[in-house]
C-alpha atoms as a PDB file:
ATOM      1  CA  MET A   1      20.859  -2.317   7.244  1.00  0.00           C
ATOM      2  CA  ALA A   2      17.781  -4.547   6.954  1.00  0.00           C
ATOM      3  CA  LYS A   3      18.121  -5.492  10.640  1.00  0.00           C
ATOM      4  CA  PHE A   4      18.192  -1.810  11.567  1.00  0.00           C
ATOM      5  CA  TRP A   5      14.990  -1.096   9.623  1.00  0.00           C
ATOM      6  CA  SER A   6      13.341  -4.208  11.061  1.00  0.00           C
ATOM      7  CA  PHE A   7      14.019  -2.822  14.538  1.00  0.00           C
ATOM      8  CA  VAL A   8      12.889   0.721  13.666  1.00  0.00           C
ATOM      9  CA  ILE A   9       9.672  -0.410  11.978  1.00  0.00           C
ATOM     10  CA  PHE A  10       8.875  -2.750  14.865  1.00  0.00           C
ATOM     11  CA  GLN A  11       9.251   0.149  17.305  1.00  0.00           C
ATOM     12  CA  LEU A  12       7.098   2.443  15.152  1.00  0.00           C
ATOM     13  CA  GLY A  13       4.386  -0.217  14.809  1.00  0.00           C
ATOM     14  CA  TRP A  14       4.460  -0.960  18.531  1.00  0.00           C
ATOM     15  CA  PHE A  15       4.119   2.706  19.503  1.00  0.00           C
ATOM     16  CA  ALA A  16       1.404   3.328  16.911  1.00  0.00           C
ATOM     17  CA  CYS A  17      -0.714   0.374  18.061  1.00  0.00           C
ATOM     18  CA  VAL A  18      -0.260   1.063  21.776  1.00  0.00           C
ATOM     19  CA  LEU A  19      -0.959   4.785  21.460  1.00  0.00           C
ATOM     20  CA  GLY A  20      -3.916   4.031  19.216  1.00  0.00           C
ATOM     21  CA  ALA A  21      -5.315   1.624  21.814  1.00  0.00           C
ATOM     22  CA  ALA A  22      -4.736   4.130  24.604  1.00  0.00           C
ATOM     23  CA  ASN A  23      -6.698   6.711  22.610  1.00  0.00           C
ATOM     24  CA  LYS A  24      -9.312   4.188  21.398  1.00  0.00           C
ATOM     25  CA  ASP A  25      -8.359   4.864  17.784  1.00  0.00           C
ATOM     26  CA  VAL A  26      -6.366   1.895  16.464  1.00  0.00           C
ATOM     27  CA  LEU A  27      -7.628   1.786  12.868  1.00  0.00           C
ATOM     28  CA  TRP A  28      -4.769   3.638  11.160  1.00  0.00           C
ATOM     29  CA  ALA A  29      -2.100   2.068  13.340  1.00  0.00           C
ATOM     30  CA  VAL A  30      -3.409  -1.413  12.560  1.00  0.00           C
ATOM     31  CA  VAL A  31      -3.772  -0.684   8.833  1.00  0.00           C
ATOM     32  CA  ALA A  32      -0.246   0.761   8.554  1.00  0.00           C
ATOM     33  CA  THR A  33       1.270  -2.100  10.551  1.00  0.00           C
ATOM     34  CA  LEU A  34      -0.582  -4.703   8.499  1.00  0.00           C
ATOM     35  CA  ALA A  35       0.646  -3.005   5.321  1.00  0.00           C
ATOM     36  CA  TYR A  36       4.225  -3.350   6.564  1.00  0.00           C
ATOM     37  CA  ILE A  37       3.633  -6.994   7.525  1.00  0.00           C
ATOM     38  CA  ALA A  38       2.305  -7.719   4.023  1.00  0.00           C
ATOM     39  CA  PHE A  39       5.310  -5.951   2.478  1.00  0.00           C
ATOM     40  CA  HIS A  40       7.648  -7.891   4.767  1.00  0.00           C
ATOM     41  CA  ALA A  41       6.121 -11.231   3.752  1.00  0.00           C
ATOM     42  CA  TRP A  42       6.160 -10.286   0.062  1.00  0.00           C
ATOM     43  CA  ARG A  43       9.851  -9.300   0.226  1.00  0.00           C
ATOM     44  CA  SER A  44      10.844 -12.431   2.146  1.00  0.00           C
ATOM     45  CA  PRO A  45      13.185 -14.901   0.391  1.00  0.00           C
ATOM     46  CA  SER A  46      10.587 -17.571   1.184  1.00  0.00           C
ATOM     47  CA  PRO A  47       7.148 -15.924   1.399  1.00  0.00           C
ATOM     48  CA  LYS A  48       5.237 -19.156   2.079  1.00  0.00           C
ATOM     49  CA  THR A  49       7.516 -20.059   4.983  1.00  0.00           C
ATOM     50  CA  GLU A  50       7.364 -16.508   6.328  1.00  0.00           C
ATOM     51  CA  ILE A  51       3.571 -16.371   6.117  1.00  0.00           C
ATOM     52  CA  SER A  52       3.389 -19.719   7.902  1.00  0.00           C
ATOM     53  CA  LEU A  53       5.498 -18.299  10.748  1.00  0.00           C
ATOM     54  CA  LEU A  54       3.385 -15.134  10.897  1.00  0.00           C
ATOM     55  CA  LEU A  55       0.131 -17.112  11.035  1.00  0.00           C
ATOM     56  CA  LYS A  56       1.448 -19.384  13.798  1.00  0.00           C
ATOM     57  CA  ALA A  57       2.590 -16.341  15.790  1.00  0.00           C
ATOM     58  CA  PHE A  58      -0.847 -14.785  15.295  1.00  0.00           C
ATOM     59  CA  VAL A  59      -2.632 -17.868  16.655  1.00  0.00           C
ATOM     60  CA  PHE A  60      -0.166 -18.229  19.538  1.00  0.00           C
ATOM     61  CA  GLY A  61      -0.577 -14.567  20.527  1.00  0.00           C
ATOM     62  CA  LEU A  62      -4.354 -14.608  20.186  1.00  0.00           C
ATOM     63  CA  VAL A  63      -4.644 -17.682  22.414  1.00  0.00           C
ATOM     64  CA  ALA A  64      -2.024 -16.531  24.955  1.00  0.00           C
ATOM     65  CA  ASP A  65      -3.392 -13.016  25.473  1.00  0.00           C
ATOM     66  CA  THR A  66      -7.008 -14.183  25.465  1.00  0.00           C
ATOM     67  CA  LEU A  67      -6.180 -16.791  28.090  1.00  0.00           C
ATOM     68  CA  ILE A  68      -4.299 -14.278  30.268  1.00  0.00           C
ATOM     69  CA  MET A  69      -7.239 -11.902  29.921  1.00  0.00           C
ATOM     70  CA  HIS A  70      -9.817 -14.567  30.865  1.00  0.00           C
ATOM     71  CA  LEU A  71      -7.707 -15.768  33.794  1.00  0.00           C
ATOM     72  CA  GLY A  72      -8.206 -12.266  35.187  1.00  0.00           C
ATOM     73  CA  TYR A  73      -4.721 -10.794  34.954  1.00  0.00           C
ATOM     74  CA  LEU A  74      -4.948  -8.351  32.069  1.00  0.00           C
ATOM     75  CA  ASP A  75      -7.571  -5.875  30.889  1.00  0.00           C
ATOM     76  CA  PHE A  76      -7.252  -4.276  27.458  1.00  0.00           C
ATOM     77  CA  ARG A  77      -8.717  -0.794  26.899  1.00  0.00           C
ATOM     78  CA  ASN A  78      -9.788  -1.417  23.326  1.00  0.00           C
ATOM     79  CA  ASP A  79     -11.490  -4.808  23.022  1.00  0.00           C
ATOM     80  CA  TRP A  80     -12.476  -4.677  19.357  1.00  0.00           C
ATOM     81  CA  PRO A  81     -13.485  -6.974  17.628  1.00  0.00           C
ATOM     82  CA  SER A  82     -14.835  -8.911  20.627  1.00  0.00           C
ATOM     83  CA  PRO A  83     -14.809  -8.547  24.397  1.00  0.00           C
ATOM     84  CA  TYR A  84     -14.184 -12.314  24.532  1.00  0.00           C
ATOM     85  CA  LEU A  85     -10.866 -12.167  22.659  1.00  0.00           C
ATOM     86  CA  SER A  86      -7.726 -10.129  23.020  1.00  0.00           C
ATOM     87  CA  PRO A  87      -7.971  -7.026  20.800  1.00  0.00           C
ATOM     88  CA  LEU A  88      -7.050  -6.796  17.129  1.00  0.00           C
ATOM     89  CA  TRP A  89      -4.163  -4.418  17.790  1.00  0.00           C
ATOM     90  CA  MET A  90      -2.512  -7.049  20.018  1.00  0.00           C
ATOM     91  CA  TRP A  91      -2.892  -9.664  17.279  1.00  0.00           C
ATOM     92  CA  VAL A  92      -1.076  -7.313  14.931  1.00  0.00           C
ATOM     93  CA  LEU A  93       1.705  -6.787  17.476  1.00  0.00           C
ATOM     94  CA  TRP A  94       2.261 -10.540  17.834  1.00  0.00           C
ATOM     95  CA  VAL A  95       2.636 -10.837  14.072  1.00  0.00           C
ATOM     96  CA  LEU A  96       4.884  -7.779  14.033  1.00  0.00           C
ATOM     97  CA  VAL A  97       7.171  -9.459  16.576  1.00  0.00           C
ATOM     98  CA  ALA A  98       7.327 -12.516  14.302  1.00  0.00           C
ATOM     99  CA  THR A  99       8.623 -10.295  11.459  1.00  0.00           C
ATOM    100  CA  THR A 100      11.707  -9.608  13.580  1.00  0.00           C
ATOM    101  CA  ILE A 101      12.664 -13.309  13.670  1.00  0.00           C
ATOM    102  CA  ASN A 102      14.237 -12.946  10.221  1.00  0.00           C
ATOM    103  CA  GLY A 103      15.096  -9.298  10.824  1.00  0.00           C
ATOM    104  CA  SER A 104      16.463  -7.573  13.888  1.00  0.00           C
ATOM    105  CA  LEU A 105      16.367 -10.732  16.060  1.00  0.00           C
ATOM    106  CA  THR A 106      18.323 -13.031  13.726  1.00  0.00           C
ATOM    107  CA  TRP A 107      21.267 -12.833  16.120  1.00  0.00           C
ATOM    108  CA  LEU A 108      19.208 -15.055  18.476  1.00  0.00           C
ATOM    109  CA  ARG A 109      19.009 -17.891  15.934  1.00  0.00           C
ATOM    110  CA  GLY A 110      20.433 -21.043  17.489  1.00  0.00           C
ATOM    111  CA  ARG A 111      20.378 -19.482  20.975  1.00  0.00           C
ATOM    112  CA  PRO A 112      17.080 -20.673  22.489  1.00  0.00           C
ATOM    113  CA  VAL A 113      18.118 -20.056  26.102  1.00  0.00           C
ATOM    114  CA  LEU A 114      19.122 -16.478  25.323  1.00  0.00           C
ATOM    115  CA  GLY A 115      15.884 -16.063  23.338  1.00  0.00           C
ATOM    116  CA  ALA A 116      13.884 -17.318  26.316  1.00  0.00           C
ATOM    117  CA  ILE A 117      15.688 -14.942  28.671  1.00  0.00           C
ATOM    118  CA  LEU A 118      15.170 -11.994  26.318  1.00  0.00           C
ATOM    119  CA  GLY A 119      11.513 -12.883  25.767  1.00  0.00           C
ATOM    120  CA  GLY A 120      10.944 -13.442  29.472  1.00  0.00           C
ATOM    121  CA  ILE A 121      12.272  -9.978  30.272  1.00  0.00           C
ATOM    122  CA  ALA A 122      11.330  -7.849  27.252  1.00  0.00           C
ATOM    123  CA  GLY A 123       7.820  -9.296  26.843  1.00  0.00           C
ATOM    124  CA  PRO A 124       6.393  -8.292  30.219  1.00  0.00           C
ATOM    125  CA  MET A 125       8.301  -5.003  30.178  1.00  0.00           C
ATOM    126  CA  SER A 126       6.654  -4.209  26.844  1.00  0.00           C
ATOM    127  CA  TYR A 127       3.232  -4.972  28.332  1.00  0.00           C
ATOM    128  CA  GLU A 128       4.035  -2.813  31.354  1.00  0.00           C
ATOM    129  CA  ALA A 129       5.091   0.057  29.085  1.00  0.00           C
ATOM    130  CA  GLY A 130       1.852  -0.277  27.114  1.00  0.00           C
ATOM    131  CA  ILE A 131      -0.147  -0.300  30.336  1.00  0.00           C
ATOM    132  CA  ARG A 132       1.620   2.817  31.579  1.00  0.00           C
ATOM    133  CA  MET A 133       0.794   4.484  28.257  1.00  0.00           C
ATOM    134  CA  GLY A 134      -2.894   3.685  28.810  1.00  0.00           C
ATOM    135  CA  ALA A 135      -3.486   0.746  26.430  1.00  0.00           C
ATOM    136  CA  GLY A 136      -4.619  -1.608  29.175  1.00  0.00           C
ATOM    137  CA  SER A 137      -4.189  -2.476  32.819  1.00  0.00           C
ATOM    138  CA  TRP A 138      -3.285  -5.285  35.119  1.00  0.00           C
ATOM    139  CA  VAL A 139      -6.347  -6.450  37.012  1.00  0.00           C
ATOM    140  CA  PRO A 140      -5.988  -4.990  40.533  1.00  0.00           C
ATOM    141  CA  GLY A 141      -4.419  -7.438  42.951  1.00  0.00           C
ATOM    142  CA  SER A 142      -2.903  -9.577  40.199  1.00  0.00           C
ATOM    143  CA  GLU A 143      -0.208  -7.287  38.875  1.00  0.00           C
ATOM    144  CA  VAL A 144       2.806  -9.364  39.929  1.00  0.00           C
ATOM    145  CA  THR A 145       1.268 -12.692  38.919  1.00  0.00           C
ATOM    146  CA  GLY A 146       0.149 -11.250  35.574  1.00  0.00           C
ATOM    147  CA  PHE A 147       3.595  -9.807  34.928  1.00  0.00           C
ATOM    148  CA  ILE A 148       5.222 -13.185  35.684  1.00  0.00           C
ATOM    149  CA  LEU A 149       2.699 -15.062  33.537  1.00  0.00           C
ATOM    150  CA  VAL A 150       3.353 -12.758  30.581  1.00  0.00           C
ATOM    151  CA  GLY A 151       7.083 -13.346  31.120  1.00  0.00           C
ATOM    152  CA  VAL A 152       6.603 -17.113  30.984  1.00  0.00           C
ATOM    153  CA  VAL A 153       4.530 -16.818  27.797  1.00  0.00           C
ATOM    154  CA  TRP A 154       7.187 -14.693  26.100  1.00  0.00           C
ATOM    155  CA  ALA A 155      10.047 -16.852  27.362  1.00  0.00           C
ATOM    156  CA  PHE A 156       8.341 -19.706  25.540  1.00  0.00           C
ATOM    157  CA  ALA A 157       7.285 -17.657  22.485  1.00  0.00           C
ATOM    158  CA  ILE A 158      10.635 -16.387  21.197  1.00  0.00           C
ATOM    159  CA  PRO A 159      12.381 -19.787  21.007  1.00  0.00           C
ATOM    160  CA  LEU A 160       9.170 -21.294  19.629  1.00  0.00           C
ATOM    161  CA  PHE A 161       9.044 -18.732  16.819  1.00  0.00           C
ATOM    162  CA  PHE A 162      12.616 -19.586  15.868  1.00  0.00           C
ATOM    163  CA  TYR A 163      11.735 -23.260  15.952  1.00  0.00           C
ATOM    164  CA  TRP A 164       8.809 -22.627  13.602  1.00  0.00           C
ATOM    165  CA  ASP A 165      10.893 -20.577  11.235  1.00  0.00           C
ATOM    166  CA  ARG A 166      12.473 -22.535   8.412  1.00  0.00           C
ATOM    167  CA  VAL A 167      13.820 -19.727   6.222  1.00  0.00           C
ATOM    168  CA  ASN A 168      17.449 -19.682   7.372  1.00  0.00           C
ATOM    169  CA  GLN A 169      17.771 -22.984   9.182  1.00  0.00           C
ATOM    170  CA  VAL A 170      19.777 -24.931   6.610  1.00  0.00           C
ATOM    171  CA  GLN A 171      22.579 -26.611   8.566  1.00  0.00           C
ATOM    172  CA  PRO A 172      26.192 -26.070   7.355  1.00  0.00           C
ATOM    173  CA  SER A 173      26.592 -29.814   6.756  1.00  0.00           C
ATOM    174  CA  GLN A 174      23.500 -29.767   4.508  1.00  0.00           C
ATOM    175  CA  LYS A 175      24.907 -26.813   2.559  1.00  0.00           C
ATOM    176  CA  SER A 176      28.147 -28.650   1.813  1.00  0.00           C
ATOM    177  CA  VAL A 177      26.262 -31.822   0.788  1.00  0.00           C
ATOM    178  CA  ASN A 178      23.918 -29.820  -1.458  1.00  0.00           C
ATOM    179  CA  SER A 179      26.743 -27.908  -3.106  1.00  0.00           C
ATOM    180  CA  VAL A 180      28.763 -31.019  -4.011  1.00  0.00           C
END
């Protein structure tokens, strides 16, 4: 059941942030999503490890989206807090994705190739959906290249997030040694 709610809350947070950005009113979406992220970390079996994963995902997403933006492929509608960085609502979405690593995406644990394929497809499709909803745009003339670049970033991100996560990565051989 926890995986189901992880999926549902991710979808709600994604829609709230994207619609908020499209309407230039992200405050409540960001606050509500951050409240869930805090609750998620607090309820984690290993809060320190979970927070470490969430912070790494935040930095990765901030750098990746800012770089894609500055390379001239992506334009976000709501650029708060700075026109030089990707927007706050995108930072929150990167962290929200990281909450699914120990939630609705746990089935990808130990399957980095499948994670890369899923990330490489779902990531750019998510950006395209957000763009079609009005939260941003591809820079004219660079739509295909931007879409591919986002796919590469996400194909790298999902396996990397699992690599960073240490909550459920105890090997079976270590369990049997520890229980003896």
